[in-house]
Amino acid sequence: MRVLLDECVPRKIKRELLDHEILTVTERGWSGIKNGNLLTLAAPEFDVFLTVDQNLKYQQNLKNFSIAIILLAARNNRFKTLLPLMPEAKEALDRIMEGDFIVISGT
C-alpha cells in the first residue's frame, strides 16, 4: 500500500507502518500545497492519504477523489498522542478500499 502522510502528521509515524511504502508530503516535494490540490496530485500515485486534519471532510468534497483517506482524530498531533491509534490504523490499511474515508478516534 502506498501511503502519503500529510504535513501535519509527525514523520515518526512512518516507523509504525513498516509494512507499507510511506512518503511524507515534504519528501514528495508537495509542501505547502492545499488539501484539494494535494489530493488531486496524490490520487494517481498513492492509495491512502493519512492526516490529522479534522476539517478536511468539511473543506473538500471527498467523493471527488479516488484516494482513500484515514483521519487520525486526536486532541493534538503529537507522536505520543497518535501512537495509541496506530494499531487501528494498521488494521484500516489492511482493509481500506479506494475512496474510503476512515476515522480513527483517540481521547
PDB file of N, CA and C in Angstrom:
ATOM      1  N   MET A   1       0.856  -1.164   0.000  1.00  0.00           N
ATOM      2  CA  MET A   1       0.000   0.000   0.000  1.00  0.00           C
ATOM      3  C   MET A   1       0.909   1.237   0.000  1.00  0.00           C
ATOM      4  N   ARG A   2       0.662   2.178  -0.879  1.00  0.00           N
ATOM      5  CA  ARG A   2       1.415   3.439  -0.919  1.00  0.00           C
ATOM      6  C   ARG A   2       0.630   4.479  -0.119  1.00  0.00           C
ATOM      7  N   VAL A   3       1.272   5.019   0.904  1.00  0.00           N
ATOM      8  CA  VAL A   3       0.614   5.940   1.834  1.00  0.00           C
ATOM      9  C   VAL A   3       1.345   7.280   1.824  1.00  0.00           C
ATOM     10  N   LEU A   4       0.575   8.358   1.730  1.00  0.00           N
ATOM     11  CA  LEU A   4       1.112   9.706   1.817  1.00  0.00           C
ATOM     12  C   LEU A   4       0.727  10.293   3.163  1.00  0.00           C
ATOM     13  N   LEU A   5       1.744  10.703   3.948  1.00  0.00           N
ATOM     14  CA  LEU A   5       1.493  11.348   5.240  1.00  0.00           C
ATOM     15  C   LEU A   5       1.364  12.843   5.043  1.00  0.00           C
ATOM     16  N   ASP A   6       0.288  13.401   5.536  1.00  0.00           N
ATOM     17  CA  ASP A   6       0.061  14.838   5.478  1.00  0.00           C
ATOM     18  C   ASP A   6       1.159  15.567   6.256  1.00  0.00           C
ATOM     19  N   GLU A   7       1.362  16.826   5.941  1.00  0.00           N
ATOM     20  CA  GLU A   7       2.391  17.628   6.615  1.00  0.00           C
ATOM     21  C   GLU A   7       2.170  17.718   8.121  1.00  0.00           C
ATOM     22  N   CYS A   8       0.941  17.647   8.552  1.00  0.00           N
ATOM     23  CA  CYS A   8       0.631  17.797   9.973  1.00  0.00           C
ATOM     24  C   CYS A   8       0.797  16.500  10.769  1.00  0.00           C
ATOM     25  N   VAL A   9       1.149  15.420  10.109  1.00  0.00           N
ATOM     26  CA  VAL A   9       1.379  14.134  10.777  1.00  0.00           C
ATOM     27  C   VAL A   9       2.872  14.015  11.090  1.00  0.00           C
ATOM     28  N   PRO A  10       3.232  13.700  12.330  1.00  0.00           N
ATOM     29  CA  PRO A  10       4.657  13.560  12.667  1.00  0.00           C
ATOM     30  C   PRO A  10       5.342  12.488  11.812  1.00  0.00           C
ATOM     31  N   ARG A  11       6.529  12.802  11.345  1.00  0.00           N
ATOM     32  CA  ARG A  11       7.283  11.867  10.498  1.00  0.00           C
ATOM     33  C   ARG A  11       7.545  10.536  11.189  1.00  0.00           C
ATOM     34  N   LYS A  12       7.644  10.550  12.515  1.00  0.00           N
ATOM     35  CA  LYS A  12       7.919   9.312  13.263  1.00  0.00           C
ATOM     36  C   LYS A  12       6.852   8.246  13.023  1.00  0.00           C
ATOM     37  N   ILE A  13       5.678   8.653  12.590  1.00  0.00           N
ATOM     38  CA  ILE A  13       4.600   7.693  12.314  1.00  0.00           C
ATOM     39  C   ILE A  13       5.037   6.686  11.247  1.00  0.00           C
ATOM     40  N   LYS A  14       5.936   7.088  10.369  1.00  0.00           N
ATOM     41  CA  LYS A  14       6.429   6.180   9.329  1.00  0.00           C
ATOM     42  C   LYS A  14       6.969   4.883   9.929  1.00  0.00           C
ATOM     43  N   ARG A  15       7.628   4.984  11.071  1.00  0.00           N
ATOM     44  CA  ARG A  15       8.217   3.800  11.720  1.00  0.00           C
ATOM     45  C   ARG A  15       7.161   2.798  12.171  1.00  0.00           C
ATOM     46  N   GLU A  16       5.936   3.272  12.337  1.00  0.00           N
ATOM     47  CA  GLU A  16       4.852   2.393  12.790  1.00  0.00           C
ATOM     48  C   GLU A  16       4.165   1.679  11.634  1.00  0.00           C
ATOM     49  N   LEU A  17       4.516   2.034  10.418  1.00  0.00           N
ATOM     50  CA  LEU A  17       3.836   1.492   9.241  1.00  0.00           C
ATOM     51  C   LEU A  17       4.828   0.833   8.285  1.00  0.00           C
ATOM     52  N   LEU A  18       5.739   0.062   8.818  1.00  0.00           N
ATOM     53  CA  LEU A  18       6.825  -0.504   8.032  1.00  0.00           C
ATOM     54  C   LEU A  18       6.365  -1.485   6.954  1.00  0.00           C
ATOM     55  N   ASP A  19       5.168  -1.997   7.066  1.00  0.00           N
ATOM     56  CA  ASP A  19       4.663  -2.941   6.065  1.00  0.00           C
ATOM     57  C   ASP A  19       4.177  -2.245   4.800  1.00  0.00           C
ATOM     58  N   HIS A  20       4.259  -0.919   4.785  1.00  0.00           N
ATOM     59  CA  HIS A  20       3.739  -0.143   3.661  1.00  0.00           C
ATOM     60  C   HIS A  20       4.803   0.822   3.145  1.00  0.00           C
ATOM     61  N   GLU A  21       4.615   1.270   1.920  1.00  0.00           N
ATOM     62  CA  GLU A  21       5.502   2.283   1.355  1.00  0.00           C
ATOM     63  C   GLU A  21       4.954   3.649   1.777  1.00  0.00           C
ATOM     64  N   ILE A  22       5.719   4.374   2.585  1.00  0.00           N
ATOM     65  CA  ILE A  22       5.249   5.628   3.170  1.00  0.00           C
ATOM     66  C   ILE A  22       6.138   6.767   2.705  1.00  0.00           C
ATOM     67  N   LEU A  23       5.517   7.828   2.248  1.00  0.00           N
ATOM     68  CA  LEU A  23       6.209   9.081   1.943  1.00  0.00           C
ATOM     69  C   LEU A  23       5.469  10.209   2.638  1.00  0.00           C
ATOM     70  N   THR A  24       6.215  11.219   3.032  1.00  0.00           N
ATOM     71  CA  THR A  24       5.572  12.413   3.579  1.00  0.00           C
ATOM     72  C   THR A  24       5.340  13.398   2.437  1.00  0.00           C
ATOM     73  N   VAL A  25       4.445  14.340   2.665  1.00  0.00           N
ATOM     74  CA  VAL A  25       4.185  15.390   1.680  1.00  0.00           C
ATOM     75  C   VAL A  25       5.495  16.119   1.368  1.00  0.00           C
ATOM     76  N   THR A  26       6.286  16.387   2.394  1.00  0.00           N
ATOM     77  CA  THR A  26       7.558  17.079   2.209  1.00  0.00           C
ATOM     78  C   THR A  26       8.524  16.260   1.361  1.00  0.00           C
ATOM     79  N   GLU A  27       8.638  14.969   1.646  1.00  0.00           N
ATOM     80  CA  GLU A  27       9.523  14.103   0.864  1.00  0.00           C
ATOM     81  C   GLU A  27       9.109  14.060  -0.601  1.00  0.00           C
ATOM     82  N   ARG A  28       7.822  14.143  -0.839  1.00  0.00           N
ATOM     83  CA  ARG A  28       7.312  14.105  -2.218  1.00  0.00           C
ATOM     84  C   ARG A  28       7.488  15.455  -2.920  1.00  0.00           C
ATOM     85  N   GLY A  29       7.834  16.489  -2.159  1.00  0.00           N
ATOM     86  CA  GLY A  29       8.042  17.817  -2.744  1.00  0.00           C
ATOM     87  C   GLY A  29       6.773  18.635  -2.863  1.00  0.00           C
ATOM     88  N   TRP A  30       5.777  18.298  -2.059  1.00  0.00           N
ATOM     89  CA  TRP A  30       4.484  18.966  -2.151  1.00  0.00           C
ATOM     90  C   TRP A  30       4.176  19.838  -0.933  1.00  0.00           C
ATOM     91  N   SER A  31       5.182  20.260  -0.220  1.00  0.00           N
ATOM     92  CA  SER A  31       4.959  21.108   0.962  1.00  0.00           C
ATOM     93  C   SER A  31       4.205  22.369   0.577  1.00  0.00           C
ATOM     94  N   GLY A  32       3.271  22.756   1.440  1.00  0.00           N
ATOM     95  CA  GLY A  32       2.531  23.993   1.248  1.00  0.00           C
ATOM     96  C   GLY A  32       1.365  23.907   0.286  1.00  0.00           C
ATOM     97  N   ILE A  33       1.171  22.781  -0.363  1.00  0.00           N
ATOM     98  CA  ILE A  33       0.053  22.630  -1.294  1.00  0.00           C
ATOM     99  C   ILE A  33      -1.214  22.365  -0.482  1.00  0.00           C
ATOM    100  N   LYS A  34      -2.254  23.083  -0.783  1.00  0.00           N
ATOM    101  CA  LYS A  34      -3.519  22.960  -0.048  1.00  0.00           C
ATOM    102  C   LYS A  34      -4.194  21.626  -0.359  1.00  0.00           C
ATOM    103  N   ASN A  35      -5.085  21.205   0.557  1.00  0.00           N
ATOM    104  CA  ASN A  35      -5.656  19.860   0.517  1.00  0.00           C
ATOM    105  C   ASN A  35      -6.310  19.457  -0.801  1.00  0.00           C
ATOM    106  N   GLY A  36      -7.119  20.309  -1.391  1.00  0.00           N
ATOM    107  CA  GLY A  36      -7.788  19.938  -2.640  1.00  0.00           C
ATOM    108  C   GLY A  36      -6.792  19.608  -3.732  1.00  0.00           C
ATOM    109  N   ASN A  37      -5.829  20.496  -3.938  1.00  0.00           N
ATOM    110  CA  ASN A  37      -4.789  20.262  -4.938  1.00  0.00           C
ATOM    111  C   ASN A  37      -3.899  19.093  -4.544  1.00  0.00           C
ATOM    112  N   LEU A  38      -3.633  18.971  -3.259  1.00  0.00           N
ATOM    113  CA  LEU A  38      -2.797  17.878  -2.764  1.00  0.00           C
ATOM    114  C   LEU A  38      -3.448  16.523  -3.044  1.00  0.00           C
ATOM    115  N   LEU A  39      -4.717  16.412  -2.771  1.00  0.00           N
ATOM    116  CA  LEU A  39      -5.426  15.149  -3.027  1.00  0.00           C
ATOM    117  C   LEU A  39      -5.461  14.832  -4.521  1.00  0.00           C
ATOM    118  N   THR A  40      -5.609  15.848  -5.344  1.00  0.00           N
ATOM    119  CA  THR A  40      -5.601  15.656  -6.798  1.00  0.00           C
ATOM    120  C   THR A  40      -4.245  15.125  -7.257  1.00  0.00           C
ATOM    121  N   LEU A  41      -3.165  15.704  -6.726  1.00  0.00           N
ATOM    122  CA  LEU A  41      -1.815  15.240  -7.075  1.00  0.00           C
ATOM    123  C   LEU A  41      -1.546  13.830  -6.544  1.00  0.00           C
ATOM    124  N   ALA A  42      -2.012  13.555  -5.329  1.00  0.00           N
ATOM    125  CA  ALA A  42      -1.697  12.298  -4.663  1.00  0.00           C
ATOM    126  C   ALA A  42      -2.459  11.102  -5.238  1.00  0.00           C
ATOM    127  N   ALA A  43      -3.668  11.307  -5.677  1.00  0.00           N
ATOM    128  CA  ALA A  43      -4.529  10.189  -6.087  1.00  0.00           C
ATOM    129  C   ALA A  43      -3.900   9.249  -7.127  1.00  0.00           C
ATOM    130  N   PRO A  44      -3.222   9.743  -8.143  1.00  0.00           N
ATOM    131  CA  PRO A  44      -2.641   8.801  -9.115  1.00  0.00           C
ATOM    132  C   PRO A  44      -1.440   8.007  -8.581  1.00  0.00           C
ATOM    133  N   GLU A  45      -0.772   8.517  -7.547  1.00  0.00           N
ATOM    134  CA  GLU A  45       0.455   7.895  -7.051  1.00  0.00           C
ATOM    135  C   GLU A  45       0.303   7.106  -5.754  1.00  0.00           C
ATOM    136  N   PHE A  46      -0.724   7.440  -4.969  1.00  0.00           N
ATOM    137  CA  PHE A  46      -0.868   6.862  -3.633  1.00  0.00           C
ATOM    138  C   PHE A  46      -2.225   6.210  -3.476  1.00  0.00           C
ATOM    139  N   ASP A  47      -2.267   5.207  -2.591  1.00  0.00           N
ATOM    140  CA  ASP A  47      -3.523   4.519  -2.285  1.00  0.00           C
ATOM    141  C   ASP A  47      -4.263   5.205  -1.141  1.00  0.00           C
ATOM    142  N   VAL A  48      -3.487   5.755  -0.181  1.00  0.00           N
ATOM    143  CA  VAL A  48      -4.078   6.295   1.047  1.00  0.00           C
ATOM    144  C   VAL A  48      -3.394   7.605   1.423  1.00  0.00           C
ATOM    145  N   PHE A  49      -4.202   8.542   1.896  1.00  0.00           N
ATOM    146  CA  PHE A  49      -3.727   9.799   2.463  1.00  0.00           C
ATOM    147  C   PHE A  49      -4.019   9.742   3.953  1.00  0.00           C
ATOM    148  N   LEU A  50      -2.974   9.847   4.775  1.00  0.00           N
ATOM    149  CA  LEU A  50      -3.110   9.783   6.238  1.00  0.00           C
ATOM    150  C   LEU A  50      -2.957  11.189   6.794  1.00  0.00           C
ATOM    151  N   THR A  51      -3.962  11.649   7.532  1.00  0.00           N
ATOM    152  CA  THR A  51      -3.973  13.018   8.013  1.00  0.00           C
ATOM    153  C   THR A  51      -4.516  13.107   9.437  1.00  0.00           C
ATOM    154  N   VAL A  52      -4.293  14.238  10.064  1.00  0.00           N
ATOM    155  CA  VAL A  52      -4.922  14.560  11.348  1.00  0.00           C
ATOM    156  C   VAL A  52      -5.818  15.786  11.196  1.00  0.00           C
ATOM    157  N   ASP A  53      -5.980  16.264   9.969  1.00  0.00           N
ATOM    158  CA  ASP A  53      -6.777  17.456   9.679  1.00  0.00           C
ATOM    159  C   ASP A  53      -8.266  17.122   9.777  1.00  0.00           C
ATOM    160  N   GLN A  54      -8.848  17.436  10.920  1.00  0.00           N
ATOM    161  CA  GLN A  54     -10.253  17.093  11.156  1.00  0.00           C
ATOM    162  C   GLN A  54     -11.218  17.957  10.353  1.00  0.00           C
ATOM    163  N   ASN A  55     -10.735  19.013   9.721  1.00  0.00           N
ATOM    164  CA  ASN A  55     -11.590  19.858   8.888  1.00  0.00           C
ATOM    165  C   ASN A  55     -11.617  19.408   7.436  1.00  0.00           C
ATOM    166  N   LEU A  56     -10.787  18.449   7.080  1.00  0.00           N
ATOM    167  CA  LEU A  56     -10.675  18.020   5.689  1.00  0.00           C
ATOM    168  C   LEU A  56     -12.026  17.663   5.075  1.00  0.00           C
ATOM    169  N   LYS A  57     -12.828  16.902   5.796  1.00  0.00           N
ATOM    170  CA  LYS A  57     -14.113  16.455   5.231  1.00  0.00           C
ATOM    171  C   LYS A  57     -15.099  17.601   5.039  1.00  0.00           C
ATOM    172  N   TYR A  58     -14.862  18.725   5.716  1.00  0.00           N
ATOM    173  CA  TYR A  58     -15.728  19.891   5.554  1.00  0.00           C
ATOM    174  C   TYR A  58     -15.199  20.843   4.486  1.00  0.00           C
ATOM    175  N   GLN A  59     -13.900  20.781   4.218  1.00  0.00           N
ATOM    176  CA  GLN A  59     -13.273  21.686   3.261  1.00  0.00           C
ATOM    177  C   GLN A  59     -13.312  21.138   1.841  1.00  0.00           C
ATOM    178  N   GLN A  60     -13.421  19.830   1.699  1.00  0.00           N
ATOM    179  CA  GLN A  60     -13.351  19.190   0.387  1.00  0.00           C
ATOM    180  C   GLN A  60     -14.534  18.247   0.197  1.00  0.00           C
ATOM    181  N   ASN A  61     -14.967  18.126  -1.043  1.00  0.00           N
ATOM    182  CA  ASN A  61     -15.937  17.089  -1.386  1.00  0.00           C
ATOM    183  C   ASN A  61     -15.127  15.833  -1.672  1.00  0.00           C
ATOM    184  N   LEU A  62     -14.996  14.983  -0.679  1.00  0.00           N
ATOM    185  CA  LEU A  62     -14.104  13.832  -0.771  1.00  0.00           C
ATOM    186  C   LEU A  62     -14.544  12.821  -1.822  1.00  0.00           C
ATOM    187  N   LYS A  63     -15.781  12.896  -2.264  1.00  0.00           N
ATOM    188  CA  LYS A  63     -16.260  11.989  -3.312  1.00  0.00           C
ATOM    189  C   LYS A  63     -15.602  12.305  -4.657  1.00  0.00           C
ATOM    190  N   ASN A  64     -14.968  13.479  -4.751  1.00  0.00           N
ATOM    191  CA  ASN A  64     -14.277  13.862  -5.983  1.00  0.00           C
ATOM    192  C   ASN A  64     -12.909  13.206  -6.117  1.00  0.00           C
ATOM    193  N   PHE A  65     -12.469  12.498  -5.089  1.00  0.00           N
ATOM    194  CA  PHE A  65     -11.124  11.931  -5.083  1.00  0.00           C
ATOM    195  C   PHE A  65     -11.188  10.417  -4.924  1.00  0.00           C
ATOM    196  N   SER A  66     -10.367   9.718  -5.700  1.00  0.00           N
ATOM    197  CA  SER A  66     -10.354   8.255  -5.613  1.00  0.00           C
ATOM    198  C   SER A  66      -9.461   7.758  -4.484  1.00  0.00           C
ATOM    199  N   ILE A  67      -8.578   8.601  -3.979  1.00  0.00           N
ATOM    200  CA  ILE A  67      -7.658   8.185  -2.928  1.00  0.00           C
ATOM    201  C   ILE A  67      -8.425   7.940  -1.627  1.00  0.00           C
ATOM    202  N   ALA A  68      -8.065   6.875  -0.938  1.00  0.00           N
ATOM    203  CA  ALA A  68      -8.660   6.598   0.376  1.00  0.00           C
ATOM    204  C   ALA A  68      -8.014   7.522   1.401  1.00  0.00           C
ATOM    205  N   ILE A  69      -8.755   7.834   2.458  1.00  0.00           N
ATOM    206  CA  ILE A  69      -8.255   8.752   3.485  1.00  0.00           C
ATOM    207  C   ILE A  69      -8.457   8.124   4.858  1.00  0.00           C
ATOM    208  N   ILE A  70      -7.402   8.199   5.665  1.00  0.00           N
ATOM    209  CA  ILE A  70      -7.501   7.821   7.074  1.00  0.00           C
ATOM    210  C   ILE A  70      -7.257   9.071   7.889  1.00  0.00           C
ATOM    211  N   LEU A  71      -8.217   9.405   8.724  1.00  0.00           N
ATOM    212  CA  LEU A  71      -8.119  10.554   9.615  1.00  0.00           C
ATOM    213  C   LEU A  71      -7.834  10.057  11.024  1.00  0.00           C
ATOM    214  N   LEU A  72      -6.701  10.473  11.575  1.00  0.00           N
ATOM    215  CA  LEU A  72      -6.388  10.187  12.967  1.00  0.00           C
ATOM    216  C   LEU A  72      -6.943  11.343  13.787  1.00  0.00           C
ATOM    217  N   ALA A  73      -8.065  11.116  14.430  1.00  0.00           N
ATOM    218  CA  ALA A  73      -8.766  12.167  15.182  1.00  0.00           C
ATOM    219  C   ALA A  73      -8.333  12.100  16.642  1.00  0.00           C
ATOM    220  N   ALA A  74      -7.477  13.029  17.034  1.00  0.00           N
ATOM    221  CA  ALA A  74      -6.953  13.067  18.396  1.00  0.00           C
ATOM    222  C   ALA A  74      -6.933  14.514  18.884  1.00  0.00           C
ATOM    223  N   ARG A  75      -6.670  14.683  20.173  1.00  0.00           N
ATOM    224  CA  ARG A  75      -6.696  16.035  20.756  1.00  0.00           C
ATOM    225  C   ARG A  75      -5.548  16.911  20.253  1.00  0.00           C
ATOM    226  N   ASN A  76      -4.469  16.293  19.756  1.00  0.00           N
ATOM    227  CA  ASN A  76      -3.380  17.045  19.134  1.00  0.00           C
ATOM    228  C   ASN A  76      -2.648  16.116  18.180  1.00  0.00           C
ATOM    229  N   ASN A  77      -1.644  16.635  17.493  1.00  0.00           N
ATOM    230  CA  ASN A  77      -0.952  15.828  16.501  1.00  0.00           C
ATOM    231  C   ASN A  77       0.445  15.394  16.958  1.00  0.00           C
ATOM    232  N   ARG A  78       0.652  15.334  18.251  1.00  0.00           N
ATOM    233  CA  ARG A  78       1.936  14.857  18.770  1.00  0.00           C
ATOM    234  C   ARG A  78       2.050  13.341  18.575  1.00  0.00           C
ATOM    235  N   PHE A  79       3.273  12.912  18.303  1.00  0.00           N
ATOM    236  CA  PHE A  79       3.531  11.483  18.100  1.00  0.00           C
ATOM    237  C   PHE A  79       3.012  10.657  19.271  1.00  0.00           C
ATOM    238  N   LYS A  80       3.297  11.127  20.476  1.00  0.00           N
ATOM    239  CA  LYS A  80       2.886  10.416  21.691  1.00  0.00           C
ATOM    240  C   LYS A  80       1.359  10.252  21.761  1.00  0.00           C
ATOM    241  N   THR A  81       0.640  11.228  21.270  1.00  0.00           N
ATOM    242  CA  THR A  81      -0.825  11.179  21.271  1.00  0.00           C
ATOM    243  C   THR A  81      -1.344  10.245  20.180  1.00  0.00           C
ATOM    244  N   LEU A  82      -0.689  10.244  19.030  1.00  0.00           N
ATOM    245  CA  LEU A  82      -1.146   9.448  17.889  1.00  0.00           C
ATOM    246  C   LEU A  82      -0.729   7.983  17.963  1.00  0.00           C
ATOM    247  N   LEU A  83       0.341   7.697  18.665  1.00  0.00           N
ATOM    248  CA  LEU A  83       0.865   6.329  18.742  1.00  0.00           C
ATOM    249  C   LEU A  83      -0.178   5.288  19.152  1.00  0.00           C
ATOM    250  N   PRO A  84      -1.023   5.548  20.157  1.00  0.00           N
ATOM    251  CA  PRO A  84      -2.035   4.543  20.518  1.00  0.00           C
ATOM    252  C   PRO A  84      -3.064   4.260  19.411  1.00  0.00           C
ATOM    253  N   LEU A  85      -3.155   5.137  18.422  1.00  0.00           N
ATOM    254  CA  LEU A  85      -4.107   4.946  17.321  1.00  0.00           C
ATOM    255  C   LEU A  85      -3.532   4.059  16.210  1.00  0.00           C
ATOM    256  N   MET A  86      -2.238   3.802  16.266  1.00  0.00           N
ATOM    257  CA  MET A  86      -1.587   3.114  15.159  1.00  0.00           C
ATOM    258  C   MET A  86      -2.005   1.658  14.971  1.00  0.00           C
ATOM    259  N   PRO A  87      -2.283   0.881  16.022  1.00  0.00           N
ATOM    260  CA  PRO A  87      -2.779  -0.483  15.746  1.00  0.00           C
ATOM    261  C   PRO A  87      -4.060  -0.476  14.908  1.00  0.00           C
ATOM    262  N   GLU A  88      -4.965   0.427  15.228  1.00  0.00           N
ATOM    263  CA  GLU A  88      -6.206   0.513  14.449  1.00  0.00           C
ATOM    264  C   GLU A  88      -5.932   1.045  13.048  1.00  0.00           C
ATOM    265  N   ALA A  89      -4.988   1.958  12.916  1.00  0.00           N
ATOM    266  CA  ALA A  89      -4.623   2.488  11.598  1.00  0.00           C
ATOM    267  C   ALA A  89      -4.043   1.376  10.725  1.00  0.00           C
ATOM    268  N   LYS A  90      -3.212   0.520  11.314  1.00  0.00           N
ATOM    269  CA  LYS A  90      -2.645  -0.611  10.571  1.00  0.00           C
ATOM    270  C   LYS A  90      -3.744  -1.545  10.084  1.00  0.00           C
ATOM    271  N   GLU A  91      -4.712  -1.817  10.948  1.00  0.00           N
ATOM    272  CA  GLU A  91      -5.849  -2.663  10.552  1.00  0.00           C
ATOM    273  C   GLU A  91      -6.624  -2.011   9.417  1.00  0.00           C
ATOM    274  N   ALA A  92      -6.823  -0.712   9.517  1.00  0.00           N
ATOM    275  CA  ALA A  92      -7.549   0.021   8.476  1.00  0.00           C
ATOM    276  C   ALA A  92      -6.811  -0.071   7.139  1.00  0.00           C
ATOM    277  N   LEU A  93      -5.506   0.026   7.171  1.00  0.00           N
ATOM    278  CA  LEU A  93      -4.726  -0.069   5.936  1.00  0.00           C
ATOM    279  C   LEU A  93      -4.865  -1.440   5.281  1.00  0.00           C
ATOM    280  N   ASP A  94      -5.095  -2.462   6.070  1.00  0.00           N
ATOM    281  CA  ASP A  94      -5.257  -3.815   5.522  1.00  0.00           C
ATOM    282  C   ASP A  94      -6.596  -4.016   4.826  1.00  0.00           C
ATOM    283  N   ARG A  95      -7.580  -3.184   5.148  1.00  0.00           N
ATOM    284  CA  ARG A  95      -8.918  -3.404   4.577  1.00  0.00           C
ATOM    285  C   ARG A  95      -9.457  -2.225   3.770  1.00  0.00           C
ATOM    286  N   ILE A  96      -8.739  -1.120   3.759  1.00  0.00           N
ATOM    287  CA  ILE A  96      -9.247   0.095   3.122  1.00  0.00           C
ATOM    288  C   ILE A  96      -9.386  -0.093   1.614  1.00  0.00           C
ATOM    289  N   MET A  97     -10.399   0.539   1.063  1.00  0.00           N
ATOM    290  CA  MET A  97     -10.674   0.461  -0.370  1.00  0.00           C
ATOM    291  C   MET A  97     -10.610   1.867  -0.970  1.00  0.00           C
ATOM    292  N   GLU A  98     -10.434   1.930  -2.250  1.00  0.00           N
ATOM    293  CA  GLU A  98     -10.371   3.201  -2.966  1.00  0.00           C
ATOM    294  C   GLU A  98     -11.577   4.079  -2.611  1.00  0.00           C
ATOM    295  N   GLY A  99     -11.308   5.328  -2.258  1.00  0.00           N
ATOM    296  CA  GLY A  99     -12.366   6.278  -1.949  1.00  0.00           C
ATOM    297  C   GLY A  99     -12.902   6.231  -0.534  1.00  0.00           C
ATOM    298  N   ASP A 100     -12.463   5.259   0.277  1.00  0.00           N
ATOM    299  CA  ASP A 100     -12.933   5.169   1.667  1.00  0.00           C
ATOM    300  C   ASP A 100     -12.441   6.358   2.488  1.00  0.00           C
ATOM    301  N   PHE A 101     -13.221   6.711   3.488  1.00  0.00           N
ATOM    302  CA  PHE A 101     -12.831   7.726   4.473  1.00  0.00           C
ATOM    303  C   PHE A 101     -13.023   7.081   5.829  1.00  0.00           C
ATOM    304  N   ILE A 102     -11.916   6.800   6.523  1.00  0.00           N
ATOM    305  CA  ILE A 102     -11.971   6.119   7.816  1.00  0.00           C
ATOM    306  C   ILE A 102     -11.451   7.051   8.886  1.00  0.00           C
ATOM    307  N   VAL A 103     -12.230   7.174   9.971  1.00  0.00           N
ATOM    308  CA  VAL A 103     -11.836   7.988  11.102  1.00  0.00           C
ATOM    309  C   VAL A 103     -11.418   7.067  12.235  1.00  0.00           C
ATOM    310  N   ILE A 104     -10.233   7.304  12.765  1.00  0.00           N
ATOM    311  CA  ILE A 104      -9.733   6.562  13.917  1.00  0.00           C
ATOM    312  C   ILE A 104      -9.614   7.563  15.055  1.00  0.00           C
ATOM    313  N   SER A 105     -10.420   7.352  16.088  1.00  0.00           N
ATOM    314  CA  SER A 105     -10.516   8.346  17.156  1.00  0.00           C
ATOM    315  C   SER A 105      -9.695   7.974  18.369  1.00  0.00           C
ATOM    316  N   GLY A 106      -9.143   9.010  18.996  1.00  0.00           N
ATOM    317  CA  GLY A 106      -8.433   8.869  20.250  1.00  0.00           C
ATOM    318  C   GLY A 106      -9.050   9.814  21.255  1.00  0.00           C
ATOM    319  N   THR A 107      -8.590   9.746  22.483  1.00  0.00           N
ATOM    320  CA  THR A 107      -9.151  10.614  23.518  1.00  0.00           C
ATOM    321  C   THR A 107      -8.332  11.868  23.652  1.00  0.00           C
TER     322      THR A 107
END
